Amino acid sequence: MPAVTSTPGSTSAPRRASRCGRVCAGEKSMIPAFPASAPTGRRLSWVGVQAEAVGGAMRDVPDLDALELLVAALRTGSISAAARECGISQQSASTRLRGVERMLGMELFLRTPQGVVPTPEGETVATWAADVLAGAERFRAGVETLRDARRRELTVAASQTVAAHMVPRWLVALRERQVLAGRVPTAVRLLTANSVEVEELVRSGRAELGVIESSMIPPGLSHTTVGQDELAVVVAPGHPWANQRVTLEAVADAPLVAREPGSGTRRAWDDEVRSRLYRDPAEPVAVLSTTAAVRSAVAEGLGPAVLSRLAVADDIRLGRMIEVPLADAPLLRPITALWRGGVRDLSPTSRELIEVAVERPS
């Protein structure tokens, strides 16, 4: 990953995988304490929450950690061995197991100098506990599968130049990488808008990742630069500038065919003029909402324009327009990825797409 600037964001507490092979910290269990056929007057409960039985009596159900410890103790015949498996002290294990016995109202172990031996009730409870733990593992695996499916769907918002000339190349590379790794390729939904609209799509959560061509970074969003783009001054073949070199000041004084103020191209051009000449550029001769419309207007002779070199490459190659060399430093602008939250809030797929973009600069 390239250098990243993040805004403060909430992070979830990490889950700890126990030595018994199951996540046993930071989890809330959702395993029913009674079967679905429980009689009227008794409601289903969730592990760790009290269950209301017939007549209003209350009974607690051990949580998953306690059930895991119980099964381990009966399997190994040793509380100390069970404690080691579950990553807790022997004293904590003994205390927790006695708590389970009190909660259930029965003795589950016969404690001897050689270890523990299950009582008949203990053997039965251990069998049920193993079933509950297996169900919890199926639940966990199912949730992870759903999460993986969501990760394979990614909505990206990109400004017009990026969407037309960069994102397709990135998506091909992303798919190739995922296929080579034996993974299901990500289904990417691409939203095309101007830079201001892209920022709003990301901020509202309608797009997980945004990519714009602008040096202006919106507040409240994390960002990282993935490449750069160069702006070119272009005119129709019959324009007076077609066979000469011009200065930035001359271009700034000319009425251009321009994009709308919210576009990354318009913002980048205005910023360059203000930073180098300390003034605003001349009013445009026309303001059009798409790059394609600007290109057509320039080719028809309406006036010069400042556009991405990527966007006009075919027009220049086919002779529809001429690139006018600048006597000043080139007009460069960063390509920036945006997202909500911090670095940890990036999905693995978004992170991978950013890496692909950095590896394949424009």
Protein backbone atom coordinates (compact mmCIF):
# COMPACT_ATOMS: atom_id res chain seq x y z
CA MET A 1 0.00 0.00 0.00
CA PRO A 2 1.17 3.54 -0.71
CA ALA A 3 1.31 6.21 1.98
CA VAL A 4 -2.14 6.76 3.40
CA THR A 5 -3.78 9.65 5.21
CA SER A 6 -6.62 8.51 7.44
CA THR A 7 -9.33 10.12 9.45
CA PRO A 8 -10.16 8.74 12.89
CA GLY A 9 -12.55 5.86 12.61
CA SER A 10 -14.08 3.28 14.84
CA THR A 11 -12.34 -0.06 14.98
CA SER A 12 -13.76 -3.30 16.28
CA ALA A 13 -12.05 -5.22 19.05
CA PRO A 14 -9.99 -8.09 17.66
CA ARG A 15 -11.21 -11.61 18.25
CA ARG A 16 -8.85 -14.04 19.96
CA ALA A 17 -8.62 -17.59 18.71
CA SER A 18 -8.30 -19.98 21.63
CA ARG A 19 -6.00 -22.97 21.67
CA CYS A 20 -9.11 -25.13 21.51
CA GLY A 21 -9.46 -24.01 17.91
CA ARG A 22 -12.48 -21.71 18.33
CA VAL A 23 -12.77 -17.98 18.69
CA CYS A 24 -13.59 -17.54 22.35
CA ALA A 25 -13.24 -13.84 23.08
CA GLY A 26 -15.29 -10.91 21.88
CA GLU A 27 -18.06 -13.22 20.54
CA LYS A 28 -21.75 -13.14 21.28
CA SER A 29 -23.35 -16.53 20.80
CA MET A 30 -26.65 -16.88 18.97
CA ILE A 31 -27.36 -20.56 19.73
CA PRO A 32 -30.94 -21.25 20.89
CA ALA A 33 -31.13 -22.65 24.42
CA PHE A 34 -34.32 -24.60 23.68
CA PRO A 35 -35.52 -26.40 20.55
CA ALA A 36 -37.97 -24.68 18.23
CA SER A 37 -40.67 -27.07 19.48
CA ALA A 38 -40.52 -25.70 23.04
CA PRO A 39 -43.97 -25.75 24.67
CA THR A 40 -46.13 -22.65 24.97
CA GLY A 41 -45.06 -20.51 27.89
CA ARG A 42 -41.37 -21.11 27.28
CA ARG A 43 -39.53 -18.75 24.95
CA LEU A 44 -36.32 -19.33 23.06
CA SER A 45 -33.28 -17.63 24.51
CA TRP A 46 -29.72 -17.02 23.39
CA VAL A 47 -26.68 -18.42 25.19
CA GLY A 48 -25.65 -16.17 28.04
CA VAL A 49 -29.18 -14.72 28.36
CA GLN A 50 -31.70 -16.00 30.87
CA ALA A 51 -34.49 -18.23 29.56
CA GLU A 52 -38.04 -18.04 30.86
CA ALA A 53 -39.48 -21.47 31.63
CA VAL A 54 -43.07 -22.52 32.34
CA GLY A 55 -44.35 -20.87 35.50
CA GLY A 56 -41.88 -17.99 35.25
CA ALA A 57 -38.83 -19.83 36.63
CA MET A 58 -35.50 -18.50 35.32
CA ARG A 59 -32.57 -20.62 34.29
CA ASP A 60 -29.16 -19.60 32.98
CA VAL A 61 -27.40 -21.27 30.10
CA PRO A 62 -23.57 -21.47 30.10
CA ASP A 63 -21.79 -19.40 27.48
CA LEU A 64 -19.70 -20.93 24.70
CA ASP A 65 -16.40 -20.46 26.52
CA ALA A 66 -17.70 -22.40 29.51
CA LEU A 67 -19.06 -25.19 27.31
CA GLU A 68 -15.76 -25.39 25.46
CA LEU A 69 -13.89 -25.71 28.76
CA LEU A 70 -16.33 -28.36 29.97
CA VAL A 71 -15.88 -30.51 26.86
CA ALA A 72 -12.09 -30.14 27.01
CA ALA A 73 -11.99 -31.17 30.69
CA LEU A 74 -14.06 -34.28 30.12
CA ARG A 75 -12.10 -35.21 27.00
CA THR A 76 -8.67 -34.83 28.62
CA GLY A 77 -9.66 -35.95 32.12
CA SER A 78 -7.73 -32.98 33.49
CA ILE A 79 -8.77 -29.46 34.41
CA SER A 80 -5.19 -28.21 34.03
CA ALA A 81 -4.95 -29.69 30.52
CA ALA A 82 -8.29 -28.13 29.59
CA ALA A 83 -7.10 -24.78 30.94
CA ARG A 84 -3.97 -24.95 28.80
CA GLU A 85 -6.01 -25.75 25.68
CA CYS A 86 -8.29 -22.80 26.28
CA GLY A 87 -5.51 -20.39 27.21
CA ILE A 88 -6.57 -19.65 30.80
CA SER A 89 -5.15 -20.45 34.23
CA GLN A 90 -6.04 -23.64 36.09
CA GLN A 91 -7.58 -21.60 38.90
CA SER A 92 -9.83 -19.75 36.44
CA ALA A 93 -10.81 -23.04 34.82
CA SER A 94 -11.72 -24.63 38.16
CA THR A 95 -13.75 -21.59 39.17
CA ARG A 96 -15.60 -21.50 35.87
CA LEU A 97 -16.42 -25.21 35.91
CA ARG A 98 -17.79 -25.02 39.46
CA GLY A 99 -19.88 -22.08 38.28
CA VAL A 100 -21.31 -24.22 35.48
CA GLU A 101 -22.22 -26.95 37.95
CA ARG A 102 -23.97 -24.45 40.21
CA MET A 103 -25.77 -22.92 37.24
CA LEU A 104 -27.04 -26.30 36.04
CA GLY A 105 -27.75 -27.59 39.54
CA MET A 106 -25.86 -30.85 39.18
CA GLU A 107 -22.42 -32.35 39.65
CA LEU A 108 -20.66 -32.96 36.35
CA PHE A 109 -17.28 -34.26 37.59
CA LEU A 110 -15.86 -36.55 40.19
CA ARG A 111 -12.61 -34.86 41.19
CA THR A 112 -9.76 -37.23 42.09
CA PRO A 113 -6.00 -36.79 42.64
CA GLN A 114 -5.50 -38.26 39.17
CA GLY A 115 -7.88 -35.81 37.46
CA VAL A 116 -11.59 -35.59 36.77
CA VAL A 117 -14.08 -38.30 35.84
CA PRO A 118 -17.47 -37.41 34.35
CA THR A 119 -20.62 -38.30 36.23
CA PRO A 120 -23.46 -39.83 34.16
CA GLU A 121 -25.03 -36.37 34.04
CA GLY A 122 -21.68 -34.91 33.03
CA GLU A 123 -21.34 -37.29 30.09
CA THR A 124 -24.82 -36.34 28.85
CA VAL A 125 -24.22 -32.60 29.29
CA ALA A 126 -20.87 -32.89 27.52
CA THR A 127 -22.56 -34.51 24.52
CA TRP A 128 -25.09 -31.70 24.35
CA ALA A 129 -22.35 -29.11 24.82
CA ALA A 130 -20.38 -30.59 21.92
CA ASP A 131 -23.48 -30.28 19.73
CA VAL A 132 -23.89 -26.63 20.73
CA LEU A 133 -20.22 -25.91 19.99
CA ALA A 134 -20.51 -27.60 16.60
CA GLY A 135 -23.55 -25.46 15.85
CA ALA A 136 -21.66 -22.35 16.90
CA GLU A 137 -18.83 -23.27 14.56
CA ARG A 138 -21.29 -23.77 11.70
CA PHE A 139 -22.77 -20.37 12.51
CA ARG A 140 -19.32 -18.74 12.51
CA ALA A 141 -18.36 -20.41 9.24
CA GLY A 142 -21.64 -19.35 7.65
CA VAL A 143 -21.17 -15.74 8.68
CA GLU A 144 -17.63 -15.76 7.29
CA THR A 145 -19.00 -17.11 4.02
CA LEU A 146 -21.49 -14.26 3.85
CA ARG A 147 -18.73 -11.78 4.61
CA ASP A 148 -16.59 -13.25 1.84
CA ALA A 149 -19.50 -12.95 -0.58
CA ARG A 150 -19.90 -9.29 0.31
CA ARG A 151 -16.18 -8.72 -0.15
CA ARG A 152 -16.52 -10.04 -3.70
CA GLU A 153 -18.88 -7.16 -4.50
CA LEU A 154 -17.27 -3.72 -4.66
CA THR A 155 -18.81 -0.39 -5.64
CA VAL A 156 -16.29 2.12 -6.95
CA ALA A 157 -17.06 5.74 -7.84
CA ALA A 158 -14.64 7.42 -10.24
CA SER A 159 -14.44 10.73 -12.04
CA GLN A 160 -14.92 10.61 -15.79
CA THR A 161 -11.30 10.52 -16.90
CA VAL A 162 -10.39 7.86 -14.35
CA ALA A 163 -13.49 5.78 -15.13
CA ALA A 164 -12.92 5.87 -18.88
CA HIS A 165 -9.15 5.47 -19.13
CA MET A 166 -7.77 3.95 -15.90
CA VAL A 167 -10.34 1.83 -14.06
CA PRO A 168 -10.86 -0.68 -16.93
CA ARG A 169 -7.12 -1.45 -16.95
CA TRP A 170 -7.13 -1.83 -13.17
CA LEU A 171 -10.11 -4.19 -13.23
CA VAL A 172 -8.48 -6.47 -15.79
CA ALA A 173 -5.34 -6.64 -13.64
CA LEU A 174 -7.39 -7.24 -10.48
CA ARG A 175 -9.28 -10.11 -12.09
CA GLU A 176 -6.06 -11.70 -13.39
CA ARG A 177 -4.50 -11.50 -9.94
CA GLN A 178 -7.51 -13.08 -8.25
CA VAL A 179 -7.85 -15.88 -10.81
CA LEU A 180 -4.15 -16.72 -10.54
CA ALA A 181 -4.57 -16.92 -6.76
CA GLY A 182 -7.50 -19.33 -7.16
CA ARG A 183 -10.04 -16.83 -5.81
CA VAL A 184 -13.47 -15.86 -7.08
CA PRO A 185 -13.08 -12.61 -9.08
CA THR A 186 -14.64 -9.53 -7.55
CA ALA A 187 -17.80 -8.17 -9.15
CA VAL A 188 -17.16 -4.42 -9.42
CA ARG A 189 -19.90 -1.86 -9.92
CA LEU A 190 -18.52 1.38 -11.36
CA LEU A 191 -20.28 4.70 -10.81
CA THR A 192 -19.09 7.57 -13.03
CA ALA A 193 -19.46 11.15 -11.80
CA ASN A 194 -17.50 14.35 -11.43
CA SER A 195 -15.04 14.68 -8.54
CA VAL A 196 -17.43 16.49 -6.19
CA GLU A 197 -20.11 13.86 -6.79
CA VAL A 198 -17.58 11.06 -6.23
CA GLU A 199 -16.70 12.54 -2.85
CA GLU A 200 -20.39 12.58 -1.90
CA LEU A 201 -20.93 9.00 -3.07
CA VAL A 202 -18.09 7.85 -0.81
CA ARG A 203 -19.14 10.01 2.12
CA SER A 204 -22.71 8.69 1.97
CA GLY A 205 -21.57 5.06 1.77
CA ARG A 206 -23.05 4.46 -1.68
CA ALA A 207 -19.52 3.74 -2.90
CA GLU A 208 -16.87 2.01 -0.80
CA LEU A 209 -14.00 3.48 -2.79
CA GLY A 210 -13.70 6.67 -4.81
CA VAL A 211 -11.02 7.77 -7.27
CA ILE A 212 -10.64 11.38 -8.39
CA GLU A 213 -8.14 13.51 -10.33
CA SER A 214 -7.75 16.51 -8.08
CA SER A 215 -5.20 18.07 -5.77
CA MET A 216 -8.02 19.20 -3.46
CA ILE A 217 -8.59 16.56 -0.78
CA PRO A 218 -12.05 16.60 0.79
CA PRO A 219 -12.10 16.80 4.60
CA GLY A 220 -13.24 13.80 6.62
CA LEU A 221 -12.13 11.13 4.13
CA SER A 222 -9.01 9.00 4.12
CA HIS A 223 -6.96 9.19 0.95
CA THR A 224 -3.86 7.95 -0.82
CA THR A 225 -2.26 8.90 -4.13
CA VAL A 226 -2.28 6.06 -6.67
CA GLY A 227 -0.80 7.85 -9.70
CA GLN A 228 -0.78 11.07 -11.68
CA ASP A 229 -2.28 12.47 -14.84
CA GLU A 230 -1.01 15.20 -17.17
CA LEU A 231 -3.26 17.88 -18.63
CA ALA A 232 -2.83 18.95 -22.25
CA VAL A 233 -3.84 22.12 -24.08
CA VAL A 234 -5.67 21.10 -27.26
CA VAL A 235 -7.14 23.01 -30.21
CA ALA A 236 -8.72 22.27 -33.58
CA PRO A 237 -6.24 21.88 -36.47
CA GLY A 238 -7.17 25.31 -37.88
CA HIS A 239 -6.69 27.22 -34.61
CA PRO A 240 -3.94 29.91 -34.49
CA TRP A 241 -2.19 27.98 -31.69
CA ALA A 242 -1.94 24.82 -33.78
CA ASN A 243 1.64 25.51 -34.88
CA GLN A 244 3.09 27.44 -31.96
CA ARG A 245 4.18 27.18 -28.36
CA VAL A 246 2.07 29.07 -25.82
CA THR A 247 2.54 30.23 -22.25
CA LEU A 248 0.35 29.32 -19.31
CA GLU A 249 -0.64 32.98 -19.07
CA ALA A 250 -1.87 32.99 -22.67
CA VAL A 251 -4.00 29.92 -22.03
CA ALA A 252 -5.35 31.43 -18.80
CA ASP A 253 -6.38 34.58 -20.72
CA ALA A 254 -8.21 32.62 -23.43
CA PRO A 255 -11.91 31.68 -23.20
CA LEU A 256 -11.75 27.88 -23.04
CA VAL A 257 -14.27 25.14 -23.62
CA ALA A 258 -14.47 23.85 -20.06
CA ARG A 259 -16.06 21.22 -17.85
CA GLU A 260 -18.39 22.20 -15.02
CA PRO A 261 -16.82 23.61 -11.80
CA GLY A 262 -17.25 20.32 -9.88
CA SER A 263 -15.15 18.29 -12.29
CA GLY A 264 -11.61 17.26 -11.42
CA THR A 265 -10.27 18.64 -14.70
CA ARG A 266 -11.82 22.06 -14.14
CA ARG A 267 -10.65 22.18 -10.53
CA ALA A 268 -7.12 21.11 -11.46
CA TRP A 269 -6.85 23.78 -14.17
CA ASP A 270 -8.25 26.54 -11.94
CA ASP A 271 -5.87 25.51 -9.14
CA GLU A 272 -2.85 25.59 -11.46
CA VAL A 273 -3.68 29.11 -12.66
CA ARG A 274 -4.27 30.39 -9.14
CA SER A 275 -1.09 28.84 -7.75
CA ARG A 276 1.16 29.98 -10.62
CA LEU A 277 -0.42 33.27 -11.73
CA TYR A 278 -2.26 34.27 -8.52
CA ARG A 279 -5.52 34.95 -10.31
CA ASP A 280 -8.50 33.18 -11.82
CA PRO A 281 -8.56 32.06 -15.45
CA ALA A 282 -10.77 33.81 -17.99
CA GLU A 283 -14.46 32.90 -18.15
CA PRO A 284 -15.08 29.88 -20.41
CA VAL A 285 -16.60 30.23 -23.84
CA ALA A 286 -18.73 27.18 -23.03
CA VAL A 287 -19.29 24.91 -20.02
CA LEU A 288 -20.11 21.28 -20.85
CA SER A 289 -20.85 18.40 -18.49
CA THR A 290 -18.88 15.61 -20.16
CA THR A 291 -15.38 15.21 -21.50
CA ALA A 292 -16.78 13.80 -24.74
CA ALA A 293 -18.81 16.98 -25.29
CA VAL A 294 -15.75 19.16 -24.66
CA ARG A 295 -13.70 17.13 -27.15
CA SER A 296 -16.37 17.46 -29.82
CA ALA A 297 -16.64 21.21 -29.28
CA VAL A 298 -12.86 21.64 -29.57
CA ALA A 299 -12.71 19.56 -32.74
CA GLU A 300 -15.47 21.71 -34.25
CA GLY A 301 -13.41 24.84 -33.56
CA LEU A 302 -15.36 26.36 -30.66
CA GLY A 303 -12.15 27.07 -28.75
CA PRO A 304 -9.17 25.57 -26.91
CA ALA A 305 -9.52 23.24 -23.94
CA VAL A 306 -7.39 21.82 -21.17
CA LEU A 307 -8.07 18.09 -20.86
CA SER A 308 -6.38 14.93 -19.69
CA ARG A 309 -3.80 13.71 -22.19
CA LEU A 310 -5.37 10.25 -21.81
CA ALA A 311 -8.77 11.60 -22.86
CA VAL A 312 -7.51 13.24 -26.07
CA ALA A 313 -4.88 10.70 -27.15
CA ASP A 314 -7.08 9.17 -29.86
CA ASP A 315 -8.23 12.59 -31.13
CA ILE A 316 -4.61 13.74 -31.50
CA ARG A 317 -3.59 10.48 -33.19
CA LEU A 318 -6.46 10.77 -35.69
CA GLY A 319 -5.77 14.44 -36.40
CA ARG A 320 -9.06 15.70 -34.98
CA MET A 321 -7.19 18.08 -32.71
CA ILE A 322 -3.67 19.33 -32.02
CA GLU A 323 -1.82 19.35 -28.70
CA VAL A 324 -0.28 22.76 -28.07
CA PRO A 325 3.09 22.59 -26.27
CA LEU A 326 3.36 24.72 -23.15
CA ALA A 327 6.35 26.99 -22.58
CA ASP A 328 5.94 26.43 -18.84
CA ALA A 329 6.19 23.42 -16.53
CA PRO A 330 3.80 20.57 -17.35
CA LEU A 331 0.33 20.50 -15.83
CA LEU A 332 0.28 17.47 -13.52
CA ARG A 333 -2.44 16.38 -11.12
CA PRO A 334 -2.60 13.48 -8.67
CA ILE A 335 -4.96 10.53 -8.99
CA THR A 336 -6.34 10.01 -5.49
CA ALA A 337 -8.26 7.14 -3.89
CA LEU A 338 -10.78 8.07 -1.18
CA TRP A 339 -12.68 6.07 1.44
CA ARG A 340 -14.49 6.48 4.74
CA GLY A 341 -12.86 5.67 8.06
CA GLY A 342 -9.28 4.60 8.58
CA VAL A 343 -6.96 2.17 6.86
CA ARG A 344 -8.49 -0.73 8.80
CA ASP A 345 -11.90 0.12 7.35
CA LEU A 346 -10.72 -0.71 3.83
CA SER A 347 -12.02 -4.08 2.67
CA PRO A 348 -9.40 -6.52 1.37
CA THR A 349 -10.76 -6.04 -2.15
CA SER A 350 -10.51 -2.23 -1.98
CA ARG A 351 -6.97 -2.53 -0.66
CA GLU A 352 -6.09 -4.89 -3.50
CA LEU A 353 -7.57 -2.56 -6.12
CA ILE A 354 -5.50 0.33 -4.73
CA GLU A 355 -2.37 -1.83 -4.95
CA VAL A 356 -3.18 -2.68 -8.57
CA ALA A 357 -3.69 1.01 -9.39
CA VAL A 358 -0.31 1.91 -7.91
CA GLU A 359 1.38 -0.87 -9.86
CA ARG A 360 -0.14 0.37 -13.13
CA PRO A 361 0.35 4.15 -13.22
CA SER A 362 -1.34 6.14 -15.93
